[in-house]
Amino acid sequence: SGREETLSSNEDEEARINLANLIANLKVLAAKVSGREETLSSNEDEEARINLANLIAKLKVLAAKVSGREETLSSNEDEEARIGRATWRARVKAIV
């Protein structure tokens, strides 16, 4: 069984804003992929694929956490997860 962290109201609001921004960015990416926007260069296309793969992996981890299936982490793994989340947030903010 996984641990659950309770967010403060500020963190909760920040998470909602980040999610709204992420959804907006995903809509832009969907428009690009469906050909309704300019064509990406091969490097941009590969970067977008890598970013999408990383996003999907992170979403799977979050889904496991939400459903309570996350295994208990050691203190080192917990710290790595915190660093990973901070890195992910920074990447999302860079996209936004």
PDB file of N, CA and C in Angstrom:
ATOM      1  N   SER A   1       0.844  -1.187   0.000  1.00  0.00           N
ATOM      2  CA  SER A   1       0.000   0.000   0.000  1.00  0.00           C
ATOM      3  C   SER A   1       0.876   1.233   0.000  1.00  0.00           C
ATOM      4  N   GLY A   2       0.489   2.244  -0.753  1.00  0.00           N
ATOM      5  CA  GLY A   2       1.304   3.446  -0.926  1.00  0.00           C
ATOM      6  C   GLY A   2       0.993   4.510   0.097  1.00  0.00           C
ATOM      7  N   ARG A   3       1.919   5.424   0.205  1.00  0.00           N
ATOM      8  CA  ARG A   3       1.708   6.570   1.082  1.00  0.00           C
ATOM      9  C   ARG A   3       0.946   7.618   0.311  1.00  0.00           C
ATOM     10  N   GLU A   4       0.177   8.384   1.019  1.00  0.00           N
ATOM     11  CA  GLU A   4      -0.568   9.463   0.369  1.00  0.00           C
ATOM     12  C   GLU A   4      -0.176  10.772   1.014  1.00  0.00           C
ATOM     13  N   GLU A   5       0.182  11.748   0.188  1.00  0.00           N
ATOM     14  CA  GLU A   5       0.513  13.068   0.699  1.00  0.00           C
ATOM     15  C   GLU A   5      -0.686  13.977   0.500  1.00  0.00           C
ATOM     16  N   THR A   6      -0.974  14.800   1.513  1.00  0.00           N
ATOM     17  CA  THR A   6      -2.051  15.767   1.393  1.00  0.00           C
ATOM     18  C   THR A   6      -1.454  17.095   0.970  1.00  0.00           C
ATOM     19  N   LEU A   7      -2.014  17.677  -0.075  1.00  0.00           N
ATOM     20  CA  LEU A   7      -1.523  18.957  -0.567  1.00  0.00           C
ATOM     21  C   LEU A   7      -2.173  20.101   0.196  1.00  0.00           C
ATOM     22  N   SER A   8      -1.414  21.164   0.413  1.00  0.00           N
ATOM     23  CA  SER A   8      -2.003  22.363   0.992  1.00  0.00           C
ATOM     24  C   SER A   8      -2.908  22.986  -0.062  1.00  0.00           C
ATOM     25  N   SER A   9      -3.738  23.938   0.335  1.00  0.00           N
ATOM     26  CA  SER A   9      -4.637  24.565  -0.638  1.00  0.00           C
ATOM     27  C   SER A   9      -3.852  25.273  -1.733  1.00  0.00           C
ATOM     28  N   ASN A  10      -2.711  25.883  -1.390  1.00  0.00           N
ATOM     29  CA  ASN A  10      -1.875  26.531  -2.408  1.00  0.00           C
ATOM     30  C   ASN A  10      -1.294  25.509  -3.369  1.00  0.00           C
ATOM     31  N   GLU A  11      -0.793  24.389  -2.821  1.00  0.00           N
ATOM     32  CA  GLU A  11      -0.236  23.339  -3.675  1.00  0.00           C
ATOM     33  C   GLU A  11      -1.321  22.727  -4.549  1.00  0.00           C
ATOM     34  N   ASP A  12      -2.513  22.571  -3.975  1.00  0.00           N
ATOM     35  CA  ASP A  12      -3.632  22.011  -4.721  1.00  0.00           C
ATOM     36  C   ASP A  12      -4.010  22.936  -5.879  1.00  0.00           C
ATOM     37  N   GLU A  13      -4.062  24.233  -5.608  1.00  0.00           N
ATOM     38  CA  GLU A  13      -4.385  25.202  -6.661  1.00  0.00           C
ATOM     39  C   GLU A  13      -3.291  25.218  -7.720  1.00  0.00           C
ATOM     40  N   GLU A  14      -2.031  25.159  -7.283  1.00  0.00           N
ATOM     41  CA  GLU A  14      -0.914  25.125  -8.236  1.00  0.00           C
ATOM     42  C   GLU A  14      -1.001  23.868  -9.104  1.00  0.00           C
ATOM     43  N   ALA A  15      -1.349  22.747  -8.494  1.00  0.00           N
ATOM     44  CA  ALA A  15      -1.488  21.503  -9.259  1.00  0.00           C
ATOM     45  C   ALA A  15      -2.612  21.628 -10.283  1.00  0.00           C
ATOM     46  N   ARG A  16      -3.727  22.255  -9.899  1.00  0.00           N
ATOM     47  CA  ARG A  16      -4.843  22.458 -10.842  1.00  0.00           C
ATOM     48  C   ARG A  16      -4.412  23.335 -12.017  1.00  0.00           C
ATOM     49  N   ILE A  17      -3.683  24.404 -11.710  1.00  0.00           N
ATOM     50  CA  ILE A  17      -3.206  25.307 -12.768  1.00  0.00           C
ATOM     51  C   ILE A  17      -2.238  24.571 -13.689  1.00  0.00           C
ATOM     52  N   ASN A  18      -1.314  23.811 -13.086  1.00  0.00           N
ATOM     53  CA  ASN A  18      -0.358  23.054 -13.897  1.00  0.00           C
ATOM     54  C   ASN A  18      -1.073  22.041 -14.783  1.00  0.00           C
ATOM     55  N   LEU A  19      -2.094  21.392 -14.244  1.00  0.00           N
ATOM     56  CA  LEU A  19      -2.849  20.425 -15.034  1.00  0.00           C
ATOM     57  C   LEU A  19      -3.580  21.120 -16.174  1.00  0.00           C
ATOM     58  N   ALA A  20      -4.174  22.274 -15.902  1.00  0.00           N
ATOM     59  CA  ALA A  20      -4.863  23.022 -16.958  1.00  0.00           C
ATOM     60  C   ALA A  20      -3.876  23.437 -18.048  1.00  0.00           C
ATOM     61  N   ASN A  21      -2.690  23.882 -17.637  1.00  0.00           N
ATOM     62  CA  ASN A  21      -1.663  24.255 -18.614  1.00  0.00           C
ATOM     63  C   ASN A  21      -1.197  23.048 -19.411  1.00  0.00           C
ATOM     64  N   LEU A  22      -1.032  21.918 -18.728  1.00  0.00           N
ATOM     65  CA  LEU A  22      -0.624  20.692 -19.409  1.00  0.00           C
ATOM     66  C   LEU A  22      -1.659  20.282 -20.445  1.00  0.00           C
ATOM     67  N   ILE A  23      -2.929  20.346 -20.076  1.00  0.00           N
ATOM     68  CA  ILE A  23      -3.999  19.991 -21.011  1.00  0.00           C
ATOM     69  C   ILE A  23      -3.983  20.921 -22.212  1.00  0.00           C
ATOM     70  N   ALA A  24      -3.781  22.209 -21.969  1.00  0.00           N
ATOM     71  CA  ALA A  24      -3.710  23.163 -23.082  1.00  0.00           C
ATOM     72  C   ALA A  24      -2.548  22.827 -24.008  1.00  0.00           C
ATOM     73  N   ASN A  25      -1.396  22.490 -23.416  1.00  0.00           N
ATOM     74  CA  ASN A  25      -0.237  22.126 -24.238  1.00  0.00           C
ATOM     75  C   ASN A  25      -0.467  20.831 -25.000  1.00  0.00           C
ATOM     76  N   LEU A  26      -1.143  19.872 -24.373  1.00  0.00           N
ATOM     77  CA  LEU A  26      -1.449  18.621 -25.066  1.00  0.00           C
ATOM     78  C   LEU A  26      -2.380  18.867 -26.247  1.00  0.00           C
ATOM     79  N   LYS A  27      -3.313  19.806 -26.089  1.00  0.00           N
ATOM     80  CA  LYS A  27      -4.202  20.144 -27.205  1.00  0.00           C
ATOM     81  C   LYS A  27      -3.413  20.749 -28.359  1.00  0.00           C
ATOM     82  N   VAL A  28      -2.435  21.600 -28.034  1.00  0.00           N
ATOM     83  CA  VAL A  28      -1.586  22.184 -29.078  1.00  0.00           C
ATOM     84  C   VAL A  28      -0.798  21.084 -29.780  1.00  0.00           C
ATOM     85  N   LEU A  29      -0.226  20.164 -28.984  1.00  0.00           N
ATOM     86  CA  LEU A  29       0.519  19.055 -29.580  1.00  0.00           C
ATOM     87  C   LEU A  29      -0.382  18.187 -30.447  1.00  0.00           C
ATOM     88  N   ALA A  30      -1.604  17.944 -29.989  1.00  0.00           N
ATOM     89  CA  ALA A  30      -2.540  17.136 -30.772  1.00  0.00           C
ATOM     90  C   ALA A  30      -2.841  17.807 -32.104  1.00  0.00           C
ATOM     91  N   ALA A  31      -2.982  19.131 -32.079  1.00  0.00           N
ATOM     92  CA  ALA A  31      -3.228  19.862 -33.325  1.00  0.00           C
ATOM     93  C   ALA A  31      -2.037  19.722 -34.263  1.00  0.00           C
ATOM     94  N   LYS A  32      -0.820  19.793 -33.717  1.00  0.00           N
ATOM     95  CA  LYS A  32       0.379  19.641 -34.541  1.00  0.00           C
ATOM     96  C   LYS A  32       0.438  18.247 -35.149  1.00  0.00           C
ATOM     97  N   VAL A  33       0.187  17.233 -34.323  1.00  0.00           N
ATOM     98  CA  VAL A  33       0.272  15.851 -34.789  1.00  0.00           C
ATOM     99  C   VAL A  33      -0.768  15.570 -35.861  1.00  0.00           C
ATOM    100  N   SER A  34      -1.944  16.153 -35.719  1.00  0.00           N
ATOM    101  CA  SER A  34      -3.005  15.890 -36.694  1.00  0.00           C
ATOM    102  C   SER A  34      -2.835  16.711 -37.968  1.00  0.00           C
ATOM    103  N   GLY A  35      -1.745  17.464 -38.063  1.00  0.00           N
ATOM    104  CA  GLY A  35      -1.429  18.177 -39.287  1.00  0.00           C
ATOM    105  C   GLY A  35      -2.098  19.522 -39.433  1.00  0.00           C
ATOM    106  N   ARG A  36      -2.682  20.034 -38.372  1.00  0.00           N
ATOM    107  CA  ARG A  36      -3.354  21.327 -38.459  1.00  0.00           C
ATOM    108  C   ARG A  36      -2.416  22.481 -38.158  1.00  0.00           C
ATOM    109  N   GLU A  37      -1.158  22.180 -37.986  1.00  0.00           N
ATOM    110  CA  GLU A  37      -0.184  23.236 -37.737  1.00  0.00           C
ATOM    111  C   GLU A  37       1.070  22.908 -38.522  1.00  0.00           C
ATOM    112  N   GLU A  38       2.008  23.816 -38.542  1.00  0.00           N
ATOM    113  CA  GLU A  38       3.219  23.644 -39.336  1.00  0.00           C
ATOM    114  C   GLU A  38       3.918  22.328 -39.013  1.00  0.00           C
ATOM    115  N   THR A  39       4.645  21.815 -39.968  1.00  0.00           N
ATOM    116  CA  THR A  39       5.358  20.554 -39.817  1.00  0.00           C
ATOM    117  C   THR A  39       6.577  20.752 -38.922  1.00  0.00           C
ATOM    118  N   LEU A  40       6.827  19.770 -38.061  1.00  0.00           N
ATOM    119  CA  LEU A  40       7.987  19.827 -37.181  1.00  0.00           C
ATOM    120  C   LEU A  40       9.218  19.330 -37.921  1.00  0.00           C
ATOM    121  N   SER A  41      10.382  19.862 -37.564  1.00  0.00           N
ATOM    122  CA  SER A  41      11.624  19.323 -38.111  1.00  0.00           C
ATOM    123  C   SER A  41      11.824  17.930 -37.527  1.00  0.00           C
ATOM    124  N   SER A  42      12.731  17.152 -38.104  1.00  0.00           N
ATOM    125  CA  SER A  42      12.949  15.796 -37.594  1.00  0.00           C
ATOM    126  C   SER A  42      13.431  15.824 -36.148  1.00  0.00           C
ATOM    127  N   ASN A  43      14.268  16.801 -35.786  1.00  0.00           N
ATOM    128  CA  ASN A  43      14.727  16.907 -34.398  1.00  0.00           C
ATOM    129  C   ASN A  43      13.579  17.263 -33.462  1.00  0.00           C
ATOM    130  N   GLU A  44      12.737  18.205 -33.874  1.00  0.00           N
ATOM    131  CA  GLU A  44      11.589  18.591 -33.043  1.00  0.00           C
ATOM    132  C   GLU A  44      10.612  17.431 -32.911  1.00  0.00           C
ATOM    133  N   ASP A  45      10.441  16.684 -33.997  1.00  0.00           N
ATOM    134  CA  ASP A  45       9.535  15.541 -33.983  1.00  0.00           C
ATOM    135  C   ASP A  45      10.047  14.473 -33.016  1.00  0.00           C
ATOM    136  N   GLU A  46      11.339  14.182 -33.074  1.00  0.00           N
ATOM    137  CA  GLU A  46      11.928  13.185 -32.177  1.00  0.00           C
ATOM    138  C   GLU A  46      11.851  13.658 -30.729  1.00  0.00           C
ATOM    139  N   GLU A  47      12.122  14.939 -30.505  1.00  0.00           N
ATOM    140  CA  GLU A  47      12.036  15.495 -29.152  1.00  0.00           C
ATOM    141  C   GLU A  47      10.604  15.394 -28.625  1.00  0.00           C
ATOM    142  N   ALA A  48       9.633  15.673 -29.478  1.00  0.00           N
ATOM    143  CA  ALA A  48       8.230  15.571 -29.074  1.00  0.00           C
ATOM    144  C   ALA A  48       7.874  14.131 -28.724  1.00  0.00           C
ATOM    145  N   ARG A  49       8.377  13.166 -29.508  1.00  0.00           N
ATOM    146  CA  ARG A  49       8.114  11.746 -29.208  1.00  0.00           C
ATOM    147  C   ARG A  49       8.707  11.349 -27.863  1.00  0.00           C
ATOM    148  N   ILE A  50       9.940  11.787 -27.612  1.00  0.00           N
ATOM    149  CA  ILE A  50      10.597  11.468 -26.340  1.00  0.00           C
ATOM    150  C   ILE A  50       9.830  12.104 -25.181  1.00  0.00           C
ATOM    151  N   ASN A  51       9.441  13.368 -25.337  1.00  0.00           N
ATOM    152  CA  ASN A  51       8.680  14.049 -24.285  1.00  0.00           C
ATOM    153  C   ASN A  51       7.355  13.350 -24.022  1.00  0.00           C
ATOM    154  N   LEU A  52       6.691  12.916 -25.086  1.00  0.00           N
ATOM    155  CA  LEU A  52       5.420  12.216 -24.922  1.00  0.00           C
ATOM    156  C   LEU A  52       5.626  10.883 -24.214  1.00  0.00           C
ATOM    157  N   ALA A  53       6.669  10.143 -24.584  1.00  0.00           N
ATOM    158  CA  ALA A  53       6.960   8.865 -23.921  1.00  0.00           C
ATOM    159  C   ALA A  53       7.244   9.085 -22.439  1.00  0.00           C
ATOM    160  N   ASN A  54       8.018  10.128 -22.119  1.00  0.00           N
ATOM    161  CA  ASN A  54       8.304  10.442 -20.712  1.00  0.00           C
ATOM    162  C   ASN A  54       7.037  10.838 -19.968  1.00  0.00           C
ATOM    163  N   LEU A  55       6.185  11.622 -20.619  1.00  0.00           N
ATOM    164  CA  LEU A  55       4.929  12.035 -20.005  1.00  0.00           C
ATOM    165  C   LEU A  55       4.051  10.828 -19.716  1.00  0.00           C
ATOM    166  N   ILE A  56       3.944   9.913 -20.669  1.00  0.00           N
ATOM    167  CA  ILE A  56       3.126   8.716 -20.477  1.00  0.00           C
ATOM    168  C   ILE A  56       3.658   7.889 -19.312  1.00  0.00           C
ATOM    169  N   ALA A  57       4.976   7.746 -19.219  1.00  0.00           N
ATOM    170  CA  ALA A  57       5.568   7.003 -18.104  1.00  0.00           C
ATOM    171  C   ALA A  57       5.229   7.659 -16.769  1.00  0.00           C
ATOM    172  N   LYS A  58       5.334   8.991 -16.713  1.00  0.00           N
ATOM    173  CA  LYS A  58       5.009   9.712 -15.477  1.00  0.00           C
ATOM    174  C   LYS A  58       3.526   9.579 -15.131  1.00  0.00           C
ATOM    175  N   LEU A  59       2.665   9.641 -16.148  1.00  0.00           N
ATOM    176  CA  LEU A  59       1.231   9.507 -15.895  1.00  0.00           C
ATOM    177  C   LEU A  59       0.895   8.122 -15.358  1.00  0.00           C
ATOM    178  N   LYS A  60       1.588   7.091 -15.838  1.00  0.00           N
ATOM    179  CA  LYS A  60       1.368   5.736 -15.317  1.00  0.00           C
ATOM    180  C   LYS A  60       1.753   5.658 -13.847  1.00  0.00           C
ATOM    181  N   VAL A  61       2.866   6.297 -13.491  1.00  0.00           N
ATOM    182  CA  VAL A  61       3.296   6.318 -12.088  1.00  0.00           C
ATOM    183  C   VAL A  61       2.258   7.046 -11.240  1.00  0.00           C
ATOM    184  N   LEU A  62       1.792   8.209 -11.724  1.00  0.00           N
ATOM    185  CA  LEU A  62       0.780   8.964 -10.985  1.00  0.00           C
ATOM    186  C   LEU A  62      -0.511   8.169 -10.843  1.00  0.00           C
ATOM    187  N   ALA A  63      -0.902   7.458 -11.895  1.00  0.00           N
ATOM    188  CA  ALA A  63      -2.120   6.650 -11.833  1.00  0.00           C
ATOM    189  C   ALA A  63      -1.982   5.556 -10.782  1.00  0.00           C
ATOM    190  N   ALA A  64      -0.808   4.947 -10.700  1.00  0.00           N
ATOM    191  CA  ALA A  64      -0.577   3.920  -9.686  1.00  0.00           C
ATOM    192  C   ALA A  64      -0.658   4.520  -8.288  1.00  0.00           C
ATOM    193  N   LYS A  65      -0.115   5.733  -8.118  1.00  0.00           N
ATOM    194  CA  LYS A  65      -0.173   6.394  -6.815  1.00  0.00           C
ATOM    195  C   LYS A  65      -1.613   6.690  -6.425  1.00  0.00           C
ATOM    196  N   VAL A  66      -2.374   7.220  -7.371  1.00  0.00           N
ATOM    197  CA  VAL A  66      -3.757   7.598  -7.089  1.00  0.00           C
ATOM    198  C   VAL A  66      -4.582   6.373  -6.717  1.00  0.00           C
ATOM    199  N   SER A  67      -4.323   5.260  -7.387  1.00  0.00           N
ATOM    200  CA  SER A  67      -5.108   4.057  -7.109  1.00  0.00           C
ATOM    201  C   SER A  67      -4.589   3.303  -5.893  1.00  0.00           C
ATOM    202  N   GLY A  68      -3.524   3.808  -5.261  1.00  0.00           N
ATOM    203  CA  GLY A  68      -3.023   3.199  -4.035  1.00  0.00           C
ATOM    204  C   GLY A  68      -2.184   1.964  -4.253  1.00  0.00           C
ATOM    205  N   ARG A  69      -1.740   1.726  -5.484  1.00  0.00           N
ATOM    206  CA  ARG A  69      -0.972   0.518  -5.768  1.00  0.00           C
ATOM    207  C   ARG A  69       0.523   0.751  -5.675  1.00  0.00           C
ATOM    208  N   GLU A  70       0.921   1.952  -5.308  1.00  0.00           N
ATOM    209  CA  GLU A  70       2.349   2.255  -5.251  1.00  0.00           C
ATOM    210  C   GLU A  70       2.977   1.517  -4.079  1.00  0.00           C
ATOM    211  N   GLU A  71       4.119   0.899  -4.332  1.00  0.00           N
ATOM    212  CA  GLU A  71       4.816   0.208  -3.261  1.00  0.00           C
ATOM    213  C   GLU A  71       5.488   1.237  -2.353  1.00  0.00           C
ATOM    214  N   THR A  72       5.748   0.852  -1.127  1.00  0.00           N
ATOM    215  CA  THR A  72       6.417   1.743  -0.194  1.00  0.00           C
ATOM    216  C   THR A  72       7.858   1.932  -0.648  1.00  0.00           C
ATOM    217  N   LEU A  73       8.305   3.159  -0.657  1.00  0.00           N
ATOM    218  CA  LEU A  73       9.648   3.475  -1.131  1.00  0.00           C
ATOM    219  C   LEU A  73      10.623   3.564   0.032  1.00  0.00           C
ATOM    220  N   SER A  74      11.861   3.148  -0.207  1.00  0.00           N
ATOM    221  CA  SER A  74      12.912   3.371   0.782  1.00  0.00           C
ATOM    222  C   SER A  74      13.190   4.869   0.822  1.00  0.00           C
ATOM    223  N   SER A  75      13.939   5.318   1.822  1.00  0.00           N
ATOM    224  CA  SER A  75      14.206   6.758   1.914  1.00  0.00           C
ATOM    225  C   SER A  75      14.977   7.251   0.697  1.00  0.00           C
ATOM    226  N   ASN A  76      15.910   6.448   0.172  1.00  0.00           N
ATOM    227  CA  ASN A  76      16.645   6.853  -1.031  1.00  0.00           C
ATOM    228  C   ASN A  76      15.716   6.929  -2.238  1.00  0.00           C
ATOM    229  N   GLU A  77      14.856   5.925  -2.398  1.00  0.00           N
ATOM    230  CA  GLU A  77      13.919   5.927  -3.521  1.00  0.00           C
ATOM    231  C   GLU A  77      12.939   7.084  -3.394  1.00  0.00           C
ATOM    232  N   ASP A  78      12.528   7.369  -2.155  1.00  0.00           N
ATOM    233  CA  ASP A  78      11.608   8.475  -1.920  1.00  0.00           C
ATOM    234  C   ASP A  78      12.261   9.798  -2.319  1.00  0.00           C
ATOM    235  N   GLU A  79      13.529   9.974  -1.955  1.00  0.00           N
ATOM    236  CA  GLU A  79      14.248  11.200  -2.319  1.00  0.00           C
ATOM    237  C   GLU A  79      14.417  11.284  -3.833  1.00  0.00           C
ATOM    238  N   GLU A  80      14.733  10.156  -4.481  1.00  0.00           N
ATOM    239  CA  GLU A  80      14.852  10.141  -5.940  1.00  0.00           C
ATOM    240  C   GLU A  80      13.521  10.515  -6.587  1.00  0.00           C
ATOM    241  N   ALA A  81      12.428  10.024  -6.018  1.00  0.00           N
ATOM    242  CA  ALA A  81      11.103  10.342  -6.556  1.00  0.00           C
ATOM    243  C   ALA A  81      10.812  11.832  -6.413  1.00  0.00           C
ATOM    244  N   ARG A  82      11.183  12.412  -5.253  1.00  0.00           N
ATOM    245  CA  ARG A  82      10.976  13.849  -5.056  1.00  0.00           C
ATOM    246  C   ARG A  82      11.775  14.656  -6.076  1.00  0.00           C
ATOM    247  N   ILE A  83      13.020  14.256  -6.293  1.00  0.00           N
ATOM    248  CA  ILE A  83      13.865  14.946  -7.275  1.00  0.00           C
ATOM    249  C   ILE A  83      13.270  14.785  -8.668  1.00  0.00           C
ATOM    250  N   GLY A  84      12.800  13.575  -8.963  1.00  0.00           N
ATOM    251  CA  GLY A  84      12.180  13.326 -10.268  1.00  0.00           C
ATOM    252  C   GLY A  84      10.943  14.184 -10.479  1.00  0.00           C
ATOM    253  N   ARG A  85      10.107  14.307  -9.434  1.00  0.00           N
ATOM    254  CA  ARG A  85       8.909  15.144  -9.552  1.00  0.00           C
ATOM    255  C   ARG A  85       9.286  16.599  -9.759  1.00  0.00           C
ATOM    256  N   ALA A  86      10.304  17.063  -9.040  1.00  0.00           N
ATOM    257  CA  ALA A  86      10.745  18.452  -9.195  1.00  0.00           C
ATOM    258  C   ALA A  86      11.273  18.683 -10.613  1.00  0.00           C
ATOM    259  N   THR A  87      12.018  17.718 -11.126  1.00  0.00           N
ATOM    260  CA  THR A  87      12.532  17.824 -12.496  1.00  0.00           C
ATOM    261  C   THR A  87      11.387  17.839 -13.484  1.00  0.00           C
ATOM    262  N   TRP A  88      10.410  16.961 -13.270  1.00  0.00           N
ATOM    263  CA  TRP A  88       9.256  16.890 -14.165  1.00  0.00           C
ATOM    264  C   TRP A  88       8.479  18.199 -14.146  1.00  0.00           C
ATOM    265  N   ARG A  89       8.262  18.759 -12.930  1.00  0.00           N
ATOM    266  CA  ARG A  89       7.555  20.037 -12.826  1.00  0.00           C
ATOM    267  C   ARG A  89       8.303  21.131 -13.580  1.00  0.00           C
ATOM    268  N   ALA A  90       9.632  21.133 -13.447  1.00  0.00           N
ATOM    269  CA  ALA A  90      10.433  22.141 -14.144  1.00  0.00           C
ATOM    270  C   ALA A  90      10.293  21.990 -15.655  1.00  0.00           C
ATOM    271  N   ARG A  91      10.258  20.746 -16.133  1.00  0.00           N
ATOM    272  CA  ARG A  91      10.092  20.515 -17.573  1.00  0.00           C
ATOM    273  C   ARG A  91       8.721  20.962 -18.045  1.00  0.00           C
ATOM    274  N   VAL A  92       7.698  20.677 -17.241  1.00  0.00           N
ATOM    275  CA  VAL A  92       6.342  21.095 -17.614  1.00  0.00           C
ATOM    276  C   VAL A  92       6.270  22.617 -17.649  1.00  0.00           C
ATOM    277  N   LYS A  93       6.868  23.275 -16.660  1.00  0.00           N
ATOM    278  CA  LYS A  93       6.870  24.743 -16.635  1.00  0.00           C
ATOM    279  C   LYS A  93       7.614  25.297 -17.838  1.00  0.00           C
ATOM    280  N   ALA A  94       8.671  24.613 -18.268  1.00  0.00           N
ATOM    281  CA  ALA A  94       9.425  25.067 -19.438  1.00  0.00           C
ATOM    282  C   ALA A  94       8.579  24.954 -20.699  1.00  0.00           C
ATOM    283  N   ILE A  95       7.728  23.944 -20.765  1.00  0.00           N
ATOM    284  CA  ILE A  95       6.839  23.764 -21.916  1.00  0.00           C
ATOM    285  C   ILE A  95       5.777  24.847 -21.917  1.00  0.00           C
ATOM    286  N   VAL A  96       5.268  25.140 -20.720  1.00  0.00           N
ATOM    287  CA  VAL A  96       4.213  26.135 -20.582  1.00  0.00           C
ATOM    288  C   VAL A  96       4.810  27.474 -20.786  1.00  0.00           C
TER     289      VAL A  96
END
